[in-house]
PDB file of N, CA and C in Angstrom:
ATOM      1  N   MET A   1     109.512 101.225  76.890  1.00  0.00           N
ATOM      2  CA  MET A   1     109.806 100.853  78.260  1.00  0.00           C
ATOM      3  C   MET A   1     108.517 100.992  79.074  1.00  0.00           C
ATOM      4  N   THR A   2     108.233  99.990  79.882  1.00  0.00           N
ATOM      5  CA  THR A   2     107.075  99.989  80.767  1.00  0.00           C
ATOM      6  C   THR A   2     107.564 100.193  82.194  1.00  0.00           C
ATOM      7  N   LYS A   3     106.924 101.133  82.898  1.00  0.00           N
ATOM      8  CA  LYS A   3     107.326 101.422  84.271  1.00  0.00           C
ATOM      9  C   LYS A   3     106.150 101.167  85.198  1.00  0.00           C
ATOM     10  N   GLY A   4     106.428 100.509  86.320  1.00  0.00           N
ATOM     11  CA  GLY A   4     105.405 100.244  87.319  1.00  0.00           C
ATOM     12  C   GLY A   4     105.832 100.770  88.673  1.00  0.00           C
ATOM     13  N   TYR A   5     104.873 101.331  89.394  1.00  0.00           N
ATOM     14  CA  TYR A   5     105.084 101.796  90.759  1.00  0.00           C
ATOM     15  C   TYR A   5     104.396 100.777  91.656  1.00  0.00           C
ATOM     16  N   LEU A   6     105.170 100.127  92.509  1.00  0.00           N
ATOM     17  CA  LEU A   6     104.641  99.040  93.326  1.00  0.00           C
ATOM     18  C   LEU A   6     104.462  99.514  94.760  1.00  0.00           C
ATOM     19  N   LEU A   7     103.234  99.470  95.221  1.00  0.00           N
ATOM     20  CA  LEU A   7     102.933  99.764  96.619  1.00  0.00           C
ATOM     21  C   LEU A   7     103.033  98.435  97.352  1.00  0.00           C
ATOM     22  N   ILE A   8     103.851  98.387  98.393  1.00  0.00           N
ATOM     23  CA  ILE A   8     104.180  97.114  99.029  1.00  0.00           C
ATOM     24  C   ILE A   8     103.861  97.165 100.519  1.00  0.00           C
ATOM     25  N   LYS A   9     103.137  96.161 100.997  1.00  0.00           N
ATOM     26  CA  LYS A   9     102.880  95.977 102.428  1.00  0.00           C
ATOM     27  C   LYS A   9     103.783  94.847 102.901  1.00  0.00           C
ATOM     28  N   LEU A  10     104.507  95.101 104.002  1.00  0.00           N
ATOM     29  CA  LEU A  10     105.481  94.143 104.509  1.00  0.00           C
ATOM     30  C   LEU A  10     105.028  93.536 105.830  1.00  0.00           C
ATOM     31  N   VAL A  11     105.526  92.346 106.116  1.00  0.00           N
ATOM     32  CA  VAL A  11     105.250  91.661 107.373  1.00  0.00           C
ATOM     33  C   VAL A  11     106.130  92.291 108.454  1.00  0.00           C
ATOM     34  N   PRO A  12     105.542  92.724 109.568  1.00  0.00           N
ATOM     35  CA  PRO A  12     106.344  93.310 110.647  1.00  0.00           C
ATOM     36  C   PRO A  12     107.452  92.358 111.096  1.00  0.00           C
ATOM     37  N   GLY A  13     108.649  92.920 111.242  1.00  0.00           N
ATOM     38  CA  GLY A  13     109.801  92.144 111.656  1.00  0.00           C
ATOM     39  C   GLY A  13     110.638  91.615 110.510  1.00  0.00           C
ATOM     40  N   LEU A  14     110.074  91.601 109.305  1.00  0.00           N
ATOM     41  CA  LEU A  14     110.799  91.098 108.133  1.00  0.00           C
ATOM     42  C   LEU A  14     111.116  92.204 107.127  1.00  0.00           C
ATOM     43  N   GLU A  15     110.897  93.443 107.518  1.00  0.00           N
ATOM     44  CA  GLU A  15     111.047  94.564 106.582  1.00  0.00           C
ATOM     45  C   GLU A  15     112.448  94.675 105.988  1.00  0.00           C
ATOM     46  N   GLY A  16     113.467  94.618 106.845  1.00  0.00           N
ATOM     47  CA  GLY A  16     114.838  94.825 106.374  1.00  0.00           C
ATOM     48  C   GLY A  16     115.278  93.826 105.330  1.00  0.00           C
ATOM     49  N   GLU A  17     115.076  92.562 105.603  1.00  0.00           N
ATOM     50  CA  GLU A  17     115.481  91.517 104.656  1.00  0.00           C
ATOM     51  C   GLU A  17     114.647  91.595 103.376  1.00  0.00           C
ATOM     52  N   ALA A  18     113.357  91.851 103.514  1.00  0.00           N
ATOM     53  CA  ALA A  18     112.496  91.949 102.326  1.00  0.00           C
ATOM     54  C   ALA A  18     112.928  93.112 101.440  1.00  0.00           C
ATOM     55  N   LEU A  19     113.210  94.264 102.037  1.00  0.00           N
ATOM     56  CA  LEU A  19     113.632  95.423 101.246  1.00  0.00           C
ATOM     57  C   LEU A  19     114.960  95.153 100.551  1.00  0.00           C
ATOM     58  N   SER A  20     115.887  94.457 101.216  1.00  0.00           N
ATOM     59  CA  SER A  20     117.166  94.114 100.590  1.00  0.00           C
ATOM     60  C   SER A  20     116.960  93.229  99.371  1.00  0.00           C
ATOM     61  N   GLN A  21     116.068  92.242  99.485  1.00  0.00           N
ATOM     62  CA  GLN A  21     115.800  91.349  98.356  1.00  0.00           C
ATOM     63  C   GLN A  21     115.109  92.078  97.217  1.00  0.00           C
ATOM     64  N   ILE A  22     114.187  92.957  97.556  1.00  0.00           N
ATOM     65  CA  ILE A  22     113.492  93.722  96.513  1.00  0.00           C
ATOM     66  C   ILE A  22     114.480  94.617  95.782  1.00  0.00           C
ATOM     67  N   ARG A  23     115.357  95.305  96.523  1.00  0.00           N
ATOM     68  CA  ARG A  23     116.360  96.181  95.903  1.00  0.00           C
ATOM     69  C   ARG A  23     117.285  95.398  94.968  1.00  0.00           C
ATOM     70  N   ALA A  24     117.552  94.141  95.280  1.00  0.00           N
ATOM     71  CA  ALA A  24     118.461  93.317  94.480  1.00  0.00           C
ATOM     72  C   ALA A  24     117.782  92.701  93.257  1.00  0.00           C
ATOM     73  N   THR A  25     116.482  92.882  93.125  1.00  0.00           N
ATOM     74  CA  THR A  25     115.736  92.291  92.016  1.00  0.00           C
ATOM     75  C   THR A  25     116.041  93.032  90.720  1.00  0.00           C
ATOM     76  N   GLN A  26     116.411  92.267  89.688  1.00  0.00           N
ATOM     77  CA  GLN A  26     116.688  92.873  88.389  1.00  0.00           C
ATOM     78  C   GLN A  26     115.430  93.546  87.853  1.00  0.00           C
ATOM     79  N   GLY A  27     115.559  94.785  87.412  1.00  0.00           N
ATOM     80  CA  GLY A  27     114.424  95.553  86.906  1.00  0.00           C
ATOM     81  C   GLY A  27     113.900  96.554  87.914  1.00  0.00           C
ATOM     82  N   VAL A  28     114.215  96.370  89.192  1.00  0.00           N
ATOM     83  CA  VAL A  28     113.811  97.325  90.223  1.00  0.00           C
ATOM     84  C   VAL A  28     114.850  98.442  90.246  1.00  0.00           C
ATOM     85  N   VAL A  29     114.400  99.681  90.012  1.00  0.00           N
ATOM     86  CA  VAL A  29     115.328 100.807  89.919  1.00  0.00           C
ATOM     87  C   VAL A  29     115.325 101.684  91.159  1.00  0.00           C
ATOM     88  N   ASP A  30     114.317 101.554  92.024  1.00  0.00           N
ATOM     89  CA  ASP A  30     114.276 102.350  93.248  1.00  0.00           C
ATOM     90  C   ASP A  30     113.328 101.690  94.238  1.00  0.00           C
ATOM     91  N   VAL A  31     113.671 101.779  95.518  1.00  0.00           N
ATOM     92  CA  VAL A  31     112.804 101.313  96.600  1.00  0.00           C
ATOM     93  C   VAL A  31     112.880 102.344  97.718  1.00  0.00           C
ATOM     94  N   THR A  32     111.712 102.789  98.187  1.00  0.00           N
ATOM     95  CA  THR A  32     111.647 103.784  99.247  1.00  0.00           C
ATOM     96  C   THR A  32     110.739 103.281 100.352  1.00  0.00           C
ATOM     97  N   LEU A  33     111.226 103.338 101.581  1.00  0.00           N
ATOM     98  CA  LEU A  33     110.428 102.997 102.750  1.00  0.00           C
ATOM     99  C   LEU A  33     109.517 104.180 103.052  1.00  0.00           C
ATOM    100  N   VAL A  34     108.227 103.928 103.282  1.00  0.00           N
ATOM    101  CA  VAL A  34     107.266 104.995 103.569  1.00  0.00           C
ATOM    102  C   VAL A  34     106.409 104.614 104.776  1.00  0.00           C
ATOM    103  N   PHE A  35     105.721 105.580 105.329  1.00  0.00           N
ATOM    104  CA  PHE A  35     104.794 105.348 106.425  1.00  0.00           C
ATOM    105  C   PHE A  35     103.379 105.552 105.923  1.00  0.00           C
ATOM    106  N   GLY A  36     102.435 104.820 106.483  1.00  0.00           N
ATOM    107  CA  GLY A  36     101.039 104.938 106.086  1.00  0.00           C
ATOM    108  C   GLY A  36     100.463 103.578 105.783  1.00  0.00           C
ATOM    109  N   GLN A  37      99.500 103.544 104.877  1.00  0.00           N
ATOM    110  CA  GLN A  37      98.838 102.288 104.522  1.00  0.00           C
ATOM    111  C   GLN A  37      99.826 101.295 103.912  1.00  0.00           C
ATOM    112  N   TRP A  38     100.801 101.779 103.181  1.00  0.00           N
ATOM    113  CA  TRP A  38     101.817 100.942 102.547  1.00  0.00           C
ATOM    114  C   TRP A  38     103.140 101.152 103.264  1.00  0.00           C
ATOM    115  N   ASP A  39     104.031 100.163 103.187  1.00  0.00           N
ATOM    116  CA  ASP A  39     105.317 100.237 103.869  1.00  0.00           C
ATOM    117  C   ASP A  39     106.466 100.643 102.949  1.00  0.00           C
ATOM    118  N   ALA A  40     106.321 100.396 101.663  1.00  0.00           N
ATOM    119  CA  ALA A  40     107.379 100.725 100.712  1.00  0.00           C
ATOM    120  C   ALA A  40     106.776 100.979  99.339  1.00  0.00           C
ATOM    121  N   ILE A  41     107.500 101.769  98.551  1.00  0.00           N
ATOM    122  CA  ILE A  41     107.152 101.994  97.149  1.00  0.00           C
ATOM    123  C   ILE A  41     108.390 101.636  96.333  1.00  0.00           C
ATOM    124  N   ALA A  42     108.213 100.755  95.359  1.00  0.00           N
ATOM    125  CA  ALA A  42     109.304 100.375  94.469  1.00  0.00           C
ATOM    126  C   ALA A  42     108.952 100.802  93.052  1.00  0.00           C
ATOM    127  N   VAL A  43     109.979 101.108  92.286  1.00  0.00           N
ATOM    128  CA  VAL A  43     109.805 101.429  90.874  1.00  0.00           C
ATOM    129  C   VAL A  43     110.518 100.343  90.079  1.00  0.00           C
ATOM    130  N   ALA A  44     109.789  99.728  89.157  1.00  0.00           N
ATOM    131  CA  ALA A  44     110.361  98.676  88.316  1.00  0.00           C
ATOM    132  C   ALA A  44     110.173  99.060  86.853  1.00  0.00           C
ATOM    133  N   GLU A  45     111.160  98.713  86.042  1.00  0.00           N
ATOM    134  CA  GLU A  45     111.102  98.984  84.612  1.00  0.00           C
ATOM    135  C   GLU A  45     111.378  97.710  83.834  1.00  0.00           C
ATOM    136  N   ALA A  46     110.680  97.570  82.712  1.00  0.00           N
ATOM    137  CA  ALA A  46     110.884  96.420  81.823  1.00  0.00           C
ATOM    138  C   ALA A  46     110.542  96.844  80.403  1.00  0.00           C
ATOM    139  N   LYS A  47     111.006  96.065  79.442  1.00  0.00           N
ATOM    140  CA  LYS A  47     110.740  96.388  78.038  1.00  0.00           C
ATOM    141  C   LYS A  47     109.271  96.206  77.682  1.00  0.00           C
ATOM    142  N   THR A  48     108.618  95.208  78.293  1.00  0.00           N
ATOM    143  CA  THR A  48     107.229  94.921  77.967  1.00  0.00           C
ATOM    144  C   THR A  48     106.411  94.753  79.244  1.00  0.00           C
ATOM    145  N   LEU A  49     105.105  94.805  79.099  1.00  0.00           N
ATOM    146  CA  LEU A  49     104.223  94.565  80.235  1.00  0.00           C
ATOM    147  C   LEU A  49     104.384  93.135  80.738  1.00  0.00           C
ATOM    148  N   PHE A  50     104.588  92.199  79.838  1.00  0.00           N
ATOM    149  CA  PHE A  50     104.791  90.807  80.232  1.00  0.00           C
ATOM    150  C   PHE A  50     106.028  90.671  81.120  1.00  0.00           C
ATOM    151  N   GLU A  51     107.121  91.320  80.751  1.00  0.00           N
ATOM    152  CA  GLU A  51     108.346  91.274  81.556  1.00  0.00           C
ATOM    153  C   GLU A  51     108.149  91.942  82.913  1.00  0.00           C
ATOM    154  N   LEU A  52     107.398  93.033  82.941  1.00  0.00           N
ATOM    155  CA  LEU A  52     107.096  93.695  84.209  1.00  0.00           C
ATOM    156  C   LEU A  52     106.253  92.779  85.092  1.00  0.00           C
ATOM    157  N   THR A  53     105.325  92.077  84.497  1.00  0.00           N
ATOM    158  CA  THR A  53     104.500  91.121  85.239  1.00  0.00           C
ATOM    159  C   THR A  53     105.371  90.036  85.868  1.00  0.00           C
ATOM    160  N   LYS A  54     106.364  89.552  85.138  1.00  0.00           N
ATOM    161  CA  LYS A  54     107.263  88.534  85.681  1.00  0.00           C
ATOM    162  C   LYS A  54     108.048  89.065  86.874  1.00  0.00           C
ATOM    163  N   ILE A  55     108.440  90.331  86.835  1.00  0.00           N
ATOM    164  CA  ILE A  55     109.158  90.931  87.959  1.00  0.00           C
ATOM    165  C   ILE A  55     108.254  90.980  89.186  1.00  0.00           C
ATOM    166  N   VAL A  56     107.030  91.469  89.000  1.00  0.00           N
ATOM    167  CA  VAL A  56     106.114  91.643  90.134  1.00  0.00           C
ATOM    168  C   VAL A  56     105.646  90.293  90.672  1.00  0.00           C
ATOM    169  N   VAL A  57     105.090  89.464  89.807  1.00  0.00           N
ATOM    170  CA  VAL A  57     104.495  88.204  90.243  1.00  0.00           C
ATOM    171  C   VAL A  57     105.567  87.148  90.530  1.00  0.00           C
ATOM    172  N   GLY A  58     106.544  87.034  89.663  1.00  0.00           N
ATOM    173  CA  GLY A  58     107.538  85.984  89.795  1.00  0.00           C
ATOM    174  C   GLY A  58     108.649  86.277  90.782  1.00  0.00           C
ATOM    175  N   GLU A  59     108.891  87.540  91.064  1.00  0.00           N
ATOM    176  CA  GLU A  59     110.002  87.895  91.939  1.00  0.00           C
ATOM    177  C   GLU A  59     109.527  88.563  93.235  1.00  0.00           C
ATOM    178  N   ILE A  60     108.970  89.749  93.113  1.00  0.00           N
ATOM    179  CA  ILE A  60     108.679  90.553  94.306  1.00  0.00           C
ATOM    180  C   ILE A  60     107.625  89.908  95.199  1.00  0.00           C
ATOM    181  N   ARG A  61     106.562  89.401  94.631  1.00  0.00           N
ATOM    182  CA  ARG A  61     105.534  88.765  95.461  1.00  0.00           C
ATOM    183  C   ARG A  61     106.030  87.493  96.130  1.00  0.00           C
ATOM    184  N   GLY A  62     107.122  86.928  95.637  1.00  0.00           N
ATOM    185  CA  GLY A  62     107.688  85.729  96.227  1.00  0.00           C
ATOM    186  C   GLY A  62     108.697  85.993  97.335  1.00  0.00           C
ATOM    187  N   VAL A  63     109.016  87.267  97.574  1.00  0.00           N
ATOM    188  CA  VAL A  63     109.978  87.616  98.622  1.00  0.00           C
ATOM    189  C   VAL A  63     109.341  87.374  99.988  1.00  0.00           C
ATOM    190  N   GLN A  64     110.062  86.654 100.849  1.00  0.00           N
ATOM    191  CA  GLN A  64     109.551  86.428 102.202  1.00  0.00           C
ATOM    192  C   GLN A  64     109.468  87.776 102.918  1.00  0.00           C
ATOM    193  N   GLY A  65     108.309  88.065 103.458  1.00  0.00           N
ATOM    194  CA  GLY A  65     108.078  89.338 104.125  1.00  0.00           C
ATOM    195  C   GLY A  65     107.181  90.270 103.338  1.00  0.00           C
ATOM    196  N   VAL A  66     106.941  89.961 102.065  1.00  0.00           N
ATOM    197  CA  VAL A  66     105.998  90.750 101.271  1.00  0.00           C
ATOM    198  C   VAL A  66     104.610  90.174 101.503  1.00  0.00           C
ATOM    199  N   GLN A  67     103.741  91.010 102.058  1.00  0.00           N
ATOM    200  CA  GLN A  67     102.391  90.573 102.405  1.00  0.00           C
ATOM    201  C   GLN A  67     101.377  90.891 101.307  1.00  0.00           C
ATOM    202  N   ASP A  68     101.536  92.051 100.659  1.00  0.00           N
ATOM    203  CA  ASP A  68     100.561  92.488  99.658  1.00  0.00           C
ATOM    204  C   ASP A  68     101.226  93.499  98.736  1.00  0.00           C
ATOM    205  N   THR A  69     100.755  93.567  97.490  1.00  0.00           N
ATOM    206  CA  THR A  69     101.251  94.576  96.547  1.00  0.00           C
ATOM    207  C   THR A  69     100.093  95.117  95.719  1.00  0.00           C
ATOM    208  N   THR A  70     100.265  96.337  95.288  1.00  0.00           N
ATOM    209  CA  THR A  70      99.411  96.936  94.265  1.00  0.00           C
ATOM    210  C   THR A  70     100.347  97.603  93.262  1.00  0.00           C
ATOM    211  N   THR A  71     100.122  97.351  91.989  1.00  0.00           N
ATOM    212  CA  THR A  71     100.999  97.906  90.956  1.00  0.00           C
ATOM    213  C   THR A  71     100.254  98.969  90.167  1.00  0.00           C
ATOM    214  N   LEU A  72     100.872 100.131  90.066  1.00  0.00           N
ATOM    215  CA  LEU A  72     100.338 101.236  89.285  1.00  0.00           C
ATOM    216  C   LEU A  72     101.217 101.380  88.049  1.00  0.00           C
ATOM    217  N   LEU A  73     100.624 101.317  86.867  1.00  0.00           N
ATOM    218  CA  LEU A  73     101.385 101.419  85.630  1.00  0.00           C
ATOM    219  C   LEU A  73     101.485 102.877  85.184  1.00  0.00           C
ATOM    220  N   GLU A  74     102.668 103.244  84.721  1.00  0.00           N
ATOM    221  CA  GLU A  74     102.878 104.585  84.201  1.00  0.00           C
ATOM    222  C   GLU A  74     102.019 104.777  82.949  1.00  0.00           C
ATOM    223  N   ALA A  75     101.435 105.959  82.819  1.00  0.00           N
ATOM    224  CA  ALA A  75     100.578 106.241  81.664  1.00  0.00           C
ATOM    225  C   ALA A  75     101.032 107.522  80.989  1.00  0.00           C
ATOM    226  N   GLU A  76     100.665 107.665  79.733  1.00  0.00           N
ATOM    227  CA  GLU A  76     100.963 108.873  78.966  1.00  0.00           C
ATOM    228  C   GLU A  76      99.669 109.434  78.402  1.00  0.00           C
ATOM    229  N   LEU A  77      99.592 110.746  78.340  1.00  0.00           N
ATOM    230  CA  LEU A  77      98.429 111.414  77.729  1.00  0.00           C
ATOM    231  C   LEU A  77      98.824 112.018  76.412  1.00  0.00           C
TER     232      LEU A  77
END
């Protein structure tokens, strides 16, 4: 299982609808609204990195109100 932590910047005024769409995205297991440089942090899980890429690029980045994302991949030591 591949897990990604998505730092999300939202367009002011579109936060509520964007967060609802992100929460409804298959593979997204948690979304938290935060204050600071980023507006939300989402956690997405997929079987492969390719599937996780499809969630981030094909789904979340296409949500109206999502301005920018940075994805941090879970690592093991």
